[in-house]
Amino acid sequence: MVHQNPSDQELTQLLTNATTIAVVGASSNPDRASYGIIQKLQKAGYRVIPVNPRETEILGERSYPSLADVPGHIDIVDVFRRAEDTPGIADEAVTIGATALWLQNGIVSDEAAARAKAGGLIVVMDTCIGATHSLLRIPPKNKQV
């Protein structure tokens, strides 16, 4: 079965209700897309947790080697990794009880989507979380009324 991303209404609800986003494949290199997305999400009021075993801190947040190492609840697992790496990440996201698995632009894995959906997660593929946040005009967390 071909994956279909959630509707704009469902994405709006997901991004409005989420407070914590883990960025798998986060980089401290300002030239990398993940760095810019972390900045954007932080400015929007989310708690953003970098997940990369080769990083110690990114934009003031401690980086963790894996999702399992992150303390507390994660709402959205945002992935900046190759498609072939995503099924294992989907399994981890299910194991930690995340709400959603979000694969960034250019990342498509039907296997990861199937595993995440089977675990009860919302799945978004081949879509930039930052662009979606802007397009749907999600209000910043610190300015919600």
N, C-alpha and C. Protein backbone atom coordinates (compact mmCIF):
# COMPACT_ATOMS: atom_id res chain seq x y z
N MET A 1 0.84 -1.19 0.00
CA MET A 1 0.00 0.00 0.00
C MET A 1 0.88 1.25 0.00
N VAL A 2 0.51 2.21 -0.80
CA VAL A 2 1.28 3.44 -0.92
C VAL A 2 0.98 4.36 0.26
N HIS A 3 2.05 4.89 0.86
CA HIS A 3 1.89 5.79 2.01
C HIS A 3 1.30 7.12 1.58
N GLN A 4 0.40 7.63 2.38
CA GLN A 4 -0.15 8.96 2.17
C GLN A 4 0.07 9.77 3.44
N ASN A 5 0.68 10.94 3.28
CA ASN A 5 0.93 11.80 4.44
C ASN A 5 -0.40 12.28 5.03
N PRO A 6 -0.38 12.61 6.31
CA PRO A 6 -1.60 13.13 6.95
C PRO A 6 -2.08 14.42 6.28
N SER A 7 -3.35 14.73 6.48
CA SER A 7 -3.93 15.96 5.93
C SER A 7 -3.33 17.19 6.62
N ASP A 8 -3.52 18.35 6.03
CA ASP A 8 -3.05 19.59 6.65
C ASP A 8 -3.65 19.76 8.04
N GLN A 9 -4.91 19.38 8.19
CA GLN A 9 -5.57 19.51 9.50
C GLN A 9 -4.88 18.60 10.53
N GLU A 10 -4.55 17.37 10.12
CA GLU A 10 -3.87 16.45 11.03
C GLU A 10 -2.46 16.93 11.35
N LEU A 11 -1.77 17.48 10.35
CA LEU A 11 -0.42 18.01 10.58
C LEU A 11 -0.46 19.21 11.50
N THR A 12 -1.47 20.06 11.32
CA THR A 12 -1.63 21.23 12.20
C THR A 12 -1.82 20.77 13.64
N GLN A 13 -2.67 19.76 13.84
CA GLN A 13 -2.91 19.24 15.18
C GLN A 13 -1.62 18.65 15.77
N LEU A 14 -0.89 17.88 14.97
CA LEU A 14 0.35 17.27 15.43
C LEU A 14 1.36 18.34 15.85
N LEU A 15 1.58 19.33 15.00
CA LEU A 15 2.58 20.37 15.28
C LEU A 15 2.14 21.31 16.40
N THR A 16 0.85 21.49 16.56
CA THR A 16 0.34 22.34 17.64
C THR A 16 0.46 21.65 18.99
N ASN A 17 0.17 20.35 19.02
CA ASN A 17 0.20 19.61 20.28
C ASN A 17 1.60 19.19 20.71
N ALA A 18 2.51 19.05 19.77
CA ALA A 18 3.87 18.60 20.08
C ALA A 18 4.62 19.66 20.88
N THR A 19 5.47 19.19 21.80
CA THR A 19 6.33 20.12 22.53
C THR A 19 7.81 19.74 22.37
N THR A 20 8.07 18.44 22.16
CA THR A 20 9.45 17.95 22.08
C THR A 20 9.69 17.22 20.78
N ILE A 21 10.73 17.64 20.08
CA ILE A 21 11.09 17.04 18.79
C ILE A 21 12.54 16.57 18.86
N ALA A 22 12.75 15.29 18.58
CA ALA A 22 14.11 14.75 18.49
C ALA A 22 14.53 14.78 17.03
N VAL A 23 15.71 15.30 16.76
CA VAL A 23 16.22 15.37 15.39
C VAL A 23 17.34 14.33 15.24
N VAL A 24 17.01 13.23 14.56
CA VAL A 24 17.96 12.15 14.35
C VAL A 24 18.82 12.48 13.13
N GLY A 25 20.13 12.47 13.34
CA GLY A 25 21.04 12.87 12.27
C GLY A 25 21.36 14.36 12.35
N ALA A 26 21.13 14.94 13.52
CA ALA A 26 21.41 16.36 13.74
C ALA A 26 22.89 16.63 13.58
N SER A 27 23.22 17.83 13.11
CA SER A 27 24.61 18.21 12.89
C SER A 27 24.90 19.58 13.49
N SER A 28 26.11 19.73 14.01
CA SER A 28 26.54 21.04 14.53
C SER A 28 27.10 21.92 13.42
N ASN A 29 27.11 21.42 12.18
CA ASN A 29 27.61 22.18 11.04
C ASN A 29 26.50 23.11 10.54
N PRO A 30 26.71 24.44 10.63
CA PRO A 30 25.68 25.40 10.21
C PRO A 30 25.28 25.27 8.74
N ASP A 31 26.10 24.61 7.93
CA ASP A 31 25.77 24.43 6.52
C ASP A 31 24.82 23.27 6.27
N ARG A 32 24.56 22.46 7.29
CA ARG A 32 23.67 21.30 7.13
C ARG A 32 22.22 21.70 7.38
N ALA A 33 21.32 21.08 6.64
CA ALA A 33 19.89 21.39 6.77
C ALA A 33 19.38 21.16 8.18
N SER A 34 19.85 20.10 8.84
CA SER A 34 19.35 19.78 10.18
C SER A 34 19.63 20.93 11.16
N TYR A 35 20.77 21.59 11.00
CA TYR A 35 21.14 22.70 11.88
C TYR A 35 20.11 23.83 11.76
N GLY A 36 19.77 24.18 10.53
CA GLY A 36 18.79 25.24 10.30
C GLY A 36 17.41 24.88 10.82
N ILE A 37 17.04 23.62 10.66
CA ILE A 37 15.73 23.17 11.15
C ILE A 37 15.69 23.21 12.68
N ILE A 38 16.78 22.79 13.31
CA ILE A 38 16.83 22.87 14.78
C ILE A 38 16.64 24.31 15.23
N GLN A 39 17.35 25.24 14.58
CA GLN A 39 17.21 26.67 14.93
C GLN A 39 15.77 27.13 14.77
N LYS A 40 15.16 26.79 13.64
CA LYS A 40 13.78 27.22 13.36
C LYS A 40 12.82 26.67 14.40
N LEU A 41 12.96 25.37 14.71
CA LEU A 41 12.06 24.75 15.68
C LEU A 41 12.26 25.31 17.09
N GLN A 42 13.51 25.60 17.45
CA GLN A 42 13.77 26.22 18.75
C GLN A 42 13.10 27.59 18.82
N LYS A 43 13.23 28.39 17.76
CA LYS A 43 12.62 29.72 17.73
C LYS A 43 11.10 29.65 17.80
N ALA A 44 10.54 28.53 17.31
CA ALA A 44 9.09 28.34 17.35
C ALA A 44 8.62 27.86 18.72
N GLY A 45 9.58 27.63 19.64
CA GLY A 45 9.23 27.28 21.00
C GLY A 45 9.26 25.80 21.35
N TYR A 46 9.70 24.96 20.42
CA TYR A 46 9.79 23.53 20.71
C TYR A 46 11.07 23.24 21.50
N ARG A 47 11.05 22.18 22.29
CA ARG A 47 12.28 21.64 22.86
C ARG A 47 12.81 20.70 21.79
N VAL A 48 14.00 20.97 21.31
CA VAL A 48 14.58 20.17 20.24
C VAL A 48 15.78 19.42 20.79
N ILE A 49 15.76 18.10 20.62
CA ILE A 49 16.81 17.24 21.15
C ILE A 49 17.59 16.62 19.99
N PRO A 50 18.87 16.98 19.85
CA PRO A 50 19.69 16.37 18.80
C PRO A 50 20.01 14.91 19.14
N VAL A 51 19.98 14.05 18.12
CA VAL A 51 20.34 12.65 18.30
C VAL A 51 21.39 12.32 17.25
N ASN A 52 22.63 12.18 17.73
CA ASN A 52 23.75 11.85 16.85
C ASN A 52 24.91 11.41 17.75
N PRO A 53 25.36 10.16 17.58
CA PRO A 53 26.43 9.67 18.47
C PRO A 53 27.77 10.40 18.28
N ARG A 54 27.92 11.17 17.20
CA ARG A 54 29.18 11.88 16.95
C ARG A 54 29.15 13.34 17.41
N GLU A 55 28.06 13.75 18.02
CA GLU A 55 27.93 15.13 18.50
C GLU A 55 27.73 15.11 20.02
N THR A 56 28.18 16.17 20.69
CA THR A 56 27.95 16.27 22.13
C THR A 56 26.91 17.34 22.46
N GLU A 57 26.91 18.43 21.67
CA GLU A 57 25.97 19.52 21.89
C GLU A 57 25.74 20.25 20.58
N ILE A 58 24.49 20.62 20.34
CA ILE A 58 24.14 21.38 19.13
C ILE A 58 23.18 22.48 19.55
N LEU A 59 23.53 23.71 19.24
CA LEU A 59 22.70 24.87 19.53
C LEU A 59 22.19 24.88 20.98
N GLY A 60 23.11 24.57 21.90
CA GLY A 60 22.80 24.66 23.32
C GLY A 60 22.08 23.44 23.90
N GLU A 61 21.80 22.46 23.08
CA GLU A 61 21.13 21.24 23.56
C GLU A 61 22.09 20.07 23.55
N ARG A 62 22.06 19.28 24.61
CA ARG A 62 22.88 18.08 24.67
C ARG A 62 22.43 17.12 23.57
N SER A 63 23.40 16.51 22.90
CA SER A 63 23.09 15.52 21.87
C SER A 63 23.20 14.13 22.47
N TYR A 64 22.28 13.26 22.10
CA TYR A 64 22.25 11.89 22.60
C TYR A 64 22.62 10.91 21.49
N PRO A 65 23.25 9.78 21.86
CA PRO A 65 23.67 8.81 20.85
C PRO A 65 22.51 8.09 20.15
N SER A 66 21.38 7.92 20.85
CA SER A 66 20.24 7.23 20.25
C SER A 66 18.95 7.74 20.90
N LEU A 67 17.83 7.43 20.28
CA LEU A 67 16.54 7.83 20.85
C LEU A 67 16.32 7.22 22.22
N ALA A 68 16.78 5.99 22.39
CA ALA A 68 16.61 5.29 23.68
C ALA A 68 17.34 6.00 24.82
N ASP A 69 18.37 6.79 24.50
CA ASP A 69 19.14 7.49 25.52
C ASP A 69 18.51 8.82 25.95
N VAL A 70 17.51 9.28 25.22
CA VAL A 70 16.89 10.58 25.52
C VAL A 70 15.92 10.42 26.68
N PRO A 71 16.11 11.22 27.76
CA PRO A 71 15.17 11.15 28.88
C PRO A 71 13.87 11.89 28.54
N GLY A 72 12.77 11.38 29.04
CA GLY A 72 11.49 12.06 28.83
C GLY A 72 10.81 11.67 27.53
N HIS A 73 9.61 12.20 27.35
CA HIS A 73 8.78 11.88 26.18
C HIS A 73 9.20 12.69 24.95
N ILE A 74 9.18 12.04 23.82
CA ILE A 74 9.43 12.70 22.53
C ILE A 74 8.14 12.62 21.72
N ASP A 75 7.69 13.77 21.23
CA ASP A 75 6.47 13.79 20.42
C ASP A 75 6.76 13.41 18.97
N ILE A 76 7.73 14.09 18.38
CA ILE A 76 8.04 13.87 16.96
C ILE A 76 9.51 13.47 16.82
N VAL A 77 9.75 12.40 16.07
CA VAL A 77 11.11 11.98 15.72
C VAL A 77 11.31 12.45 14.28
N ASP A 78 12.11 13.49 14.11
CA ASP A 78 12.39 14.10 12.81
C ASP A 78 13.71 13.54 12.30
N VAL A 79 13.69 12.94 11.10
CA VAL A 79 14.84 12.16 10.64
C VAL A 79 15.58 12.81 9.47
N PHE A 80 16.89 13.01 9.66
CA PHE A 80 17.81 13.48 8.63
C PHE A 80 18.84 12.36 8.38
N ARG A 81 18.40 11.22 7.93
CA ARG A 81 19.29 10.09 7.64
C ARG A 81 18.87 9.46 6.32
N ARG A 82 19.74 8.62 5.76
CA ARG A 82 19.42 7.93 4.51
C ARG A 82 18.22 7.01 4.71
N ALA A 83 17.47 6.83 3.65
CA ALA A 83 16.25 6.00 3.71
C ALA A 83 16.53 4.61 4.26
N GLU A 84 17.68 4.03 3.89
CA GLU A 84 17.96 2.66 4.36
C GLU A 84 18.17 2.58 5.87
N ASP A 85 18.43 3.72 6.52
CA ASP A 85 18.61 3.75 7.97
C ASP A 85 17.29 3.91 8.73
N THR A 86 16.23 4.26 8.01
CA THR A 86 15.00 4.66 8.69
C THR A 86 14.15 3.52 9.29
N PRO A 87 14.17 2.30 8.76
CA PRO A 87 13.37 1.26 9.43
C PRO A 87 13.79 1.04 10.88
N GLY A 88 15.08 1.02 11.15
CA GLY A 88 15.56 0.87 12.53
C GLY A 88 15.18 2.05 13.39
N ILE A 89 15.22 3.24 12.81
CA ILE A 89 14.82 4.45 13.54
C ILE A 89 13.32 4.39 13.85
N ALA A 90 12.54 3.89 12.90
CA ALA A 90 11.09 3.72 13.13
C ALA A 90 10.86 2.78 14.30
N ASP A 91 11.60 1.68 14.35
CA ASP A 91 11.47 0.74 15.46
C ASP A 91 11.78 1.42 16.79
N GLU A 92 12.86 2.21 16.81
CA GLU A 92 13.24 2.93 18.04
C GLU A 92 12.14 3.92 18.45
N ALA A 93 11.58 4.62 17.45
CA ALA A 93 10.53 5.60 17.73
C ALA A 93 9.31 4.93 18.36
N VAL A 94 8.98 3.74 17.87
CA VAL A 94 7.87 2.98 18.44
C VAL A 94 8.21 2.56 19.86
N THR A 95 9.41 2.05 20.06
CA THR A 95 9.85 1.56 21.37
C THR A 95 9.79 2.65 22.43
N ILE A 96 10.18 3.87 22.08
CA ILE A 96 10.19 4.96 23.07
C ILE A 96 8.81 5.61 23.25
N GLY A 97 7.85 5.23 22.42
CA GLY A 97 6.49 5.77 22.57
C GLY A 97 6.30 7.14 21.96
N ALA A 98 7.05 7.45 20.89
CA ALA A 98 6.87 8.73 20.21
C ALA A 98 5.47 8.80 19.60
N THR A 99 5.04 10.00 19.26
CA THR A 99 3.75 10.20 18.63
C THR A 99 3.85 10.09 17.11
N ALA A 100 4.98 10.57 16.56
CA ALA A 100 5.10 10.62 15.10
C ALA A 100 6.53 10.38 14.64
N LEU A 101 6.64 9.83 13.43
CA LEU A 101 7.91 9.68 12.72
C LEU A 101 7.83 10.59 11.52
N TRP A 102 8.79 11.51 11.41
CA TRP A 102 8.78 12.50 10.32
C TRP A 102 10.07 12.35 9.53
N LEU A 103 9.97 11.95 8.27
CA LEU A 103 11.13 11.82 7.40
C LEU A 103 11.23 13.05 6.52
N GLN A 104 12.37 13.71 6.57
CA GLN A 104 12.58 14.98 5.87
C GLN A 104 12.52 14.83 4.34
N ASN A 105 12.60 15.96 3.65
CA ASN A 105 12.59 15.98 2.18
C ASN A 105 13.55 14.97 1.59
N GLY A 106 13.10 14.22 0.60
CA GLY A 106 13.96 13.28 -0.10
C GLY A 106 14.11 11.94 0.60
N ILE A 107 13.52 11.77 1.77
CA ILE A 107 13.65 10.51 2.51
C ILE A 107 12.31 9.77 2.44
N VAL A 108 12.34 8.61 1.78
CA VAL A 108 11.14 7.78 1.62
C VAL A 108 11.50 6.35 1.95
N SER A 109 10.73 5.73 2.83
CA SER A 109 10.91 4.32 3.16
C SER A 109 9.55 3.73 3.53
N ASP A 110 9.02 2.93 2.62
CA ASP A 110 7.75 2.27 2.90
C ASP A 110 7.89 1.32 4.09
N GLU A 111 9.06 0.70 4.23
CA GLU A 111 9.29 -0.21 5.35
C GLU A 111 9.24 0.55 6.68
N ALA A 112 9.92 1.70 6.74
CA ALA A 112 9.90 2.51 7.96
C ALA A 112 8.47 2.97 8.26
N ALA A 113 7.76 3.41 7.23
CA ALA A 113 6.38 3.87 7.42
C ALA A 113 5.50 2.74 7.95
N ALA A 114 5.64 1.55 7.39
CA ALA A 114 4.82 0.41 7.82
C ALA A 114 5.12 0.05 9.27
N ARG A 115 6.41 0.03 9.63
CA ARG A 115 6.78 -0.30 11.01
C ARG A 115 6.24 0.73 11.99
N ALA A 116 6.38 2.02 11.63
CA ALA A 116 5.92 3.09 12.51
C ALA A 116 4.39 3.06 12.65
N LYS A 117 3.70 2.88 11.53
CA LYS A 117 2.23 2.82 11.58
C LYS A 117 1.76 1.62 12.40
N ALA A 118 2.43 0.49 12.22
CA ALA A 118 2.07 -0.71 12.98
C ALA A 118 2.24 -0.47 14.48
N GLY A 119 3.17 0.42 14.85
CA GLY A 119 3.39 0.77 16.24
C GLY A 119 2.52 1.91 16.72
N GLY A 120 1.60 2.38 15.88
CA GLY A 120 0.66 3.41 16.28
C GLY A 120 1.12 4.84 16.06
N LEU A 121 2.21 5.03 15.32
CA LEU A 121 2.73 6.38 15.09
C LEU A 121 2.10 7.03 13.86
N ILE A 122 2.02 8.33 13.90
CA ILE A 122 1.68 9.13 12.72
C ILE A 122 2.95 9.17 11.88
N VAL A 123 2.82 9.04 10.55
CA VAL A 123 4.01 9.02 9.69
C VAL A 123 3.91 10.11 8.62
N VAL A 124 4.99 10.89 8.52
CA VAL A 124 5.12 11.90 7.48
C VAL A 124 6.42 11.60 6.74
N MET A 125 6.36 11.54 5.40
CA MET A 125 7.57 11.23 4.62
C MET A 125 7.81 12.28 3.55
N ASP A 126 9.09 12.46 3.22
CA ASP A 126 9.50 13.30 2.10
C ASP A 126 8.94 14.72 2.23
N THR A 127 8.97 15.24 3.45
CA THR A 127 8.39 16.56 3.72
C THR A 127 9.25 17.27 4.78
N CYS A 128 9.51 18.55 4.55
CA CYS A 128 10.30 19.33 5.50
C CYS A 128 9.41 19.82 6.63
N ILE A 129 9.78 19.49 7.87
CA ILE A 129 8.99 19.91 9.03
C ILE A 129 9.00 21.44 9.17
N GLY A 130 10.12 22.07 8.84
CA GLY A 130 10.21 23.53 8.94
C GLY A 130 9.30 24.22 7.94
N ALA A 131 9.33 23.77 6.70
CA ALA A 131 8.48 24.36 5.66
C ALA A 131 7.00 24.12 5.99
N THR A 132 6.69 22.92 6.47
CA THR A 132 5.30 22.60 6.83
C THR A 132 4.84 23.48 7.97
N HIS A 133 5.69 23.69 8.96
CA HIS A 133 5.37 24.55 10.10
C HIS A 133 5.02 25.95 9.60
N SER A 134 5.80 26.47 8.66
CA SER A 134 5.56 27.81 8.11
C SER A 134 4.29 27.84 7.26
N LEU A 135 4.16 26.87 6.36
CA LEU A 135 3.00 26.85 5.45
C LEU A 135 1.67 26.76 6.20
N LEU A 136 1.66 26.00 7.28
CA LEU A 136 0.43 25.83 8.05
C LEU A 136 0.22 26.94 9.09
N ARG A 137 1.21 27.84 9.17
CA ARG A 137 1.14 28.99 10.08
C ARG A 137 0.86 28.57 11.52
N ILE A 138 1.66 27.61 11.98
CA ILE A 138 1.53 27.15 13.37
C ILE A 138 2.07 28.26 14.28
N PRO A 139 1.29 28.72 15.25
CA PRO A 139 1.78 29.77 16.13
C PRO A 139 2.94 29.29 17.00
N PRO A 140 3.89 30.17 17.30
CA PRO A 140 5.00 29.79 18.17
C PRO A 140 4.48 29.32 19.53
N LYS A 141 5.17 28.35 20.11
CA LYS A 141 4.76 27.79 21.41
C LYS A 141 4.72 28.85 22.49
N ASN A 142 5.68 29.75 22.48
CA ASN A 142 5.77 30.75 23.54
C ASN A 142 4.80 31.91 23.34
N LYS A 143 4.05 31.90 22.23
CA LYS A 143 3.14 33.01 21.98
C LYS A 143 1.71 32.54 21.78
N GLN A 144 1.42 31.28 22.12
CA GLN A 144 0.06 30.79 21.97
C GLN A 144 -0.84 31.43 23.02
N VAL A 145 -2.07 31.65 22.64
CA VAL A 145 -3.02 32.29 23.56
C VAL A 145 -4.01 31.28 24.07
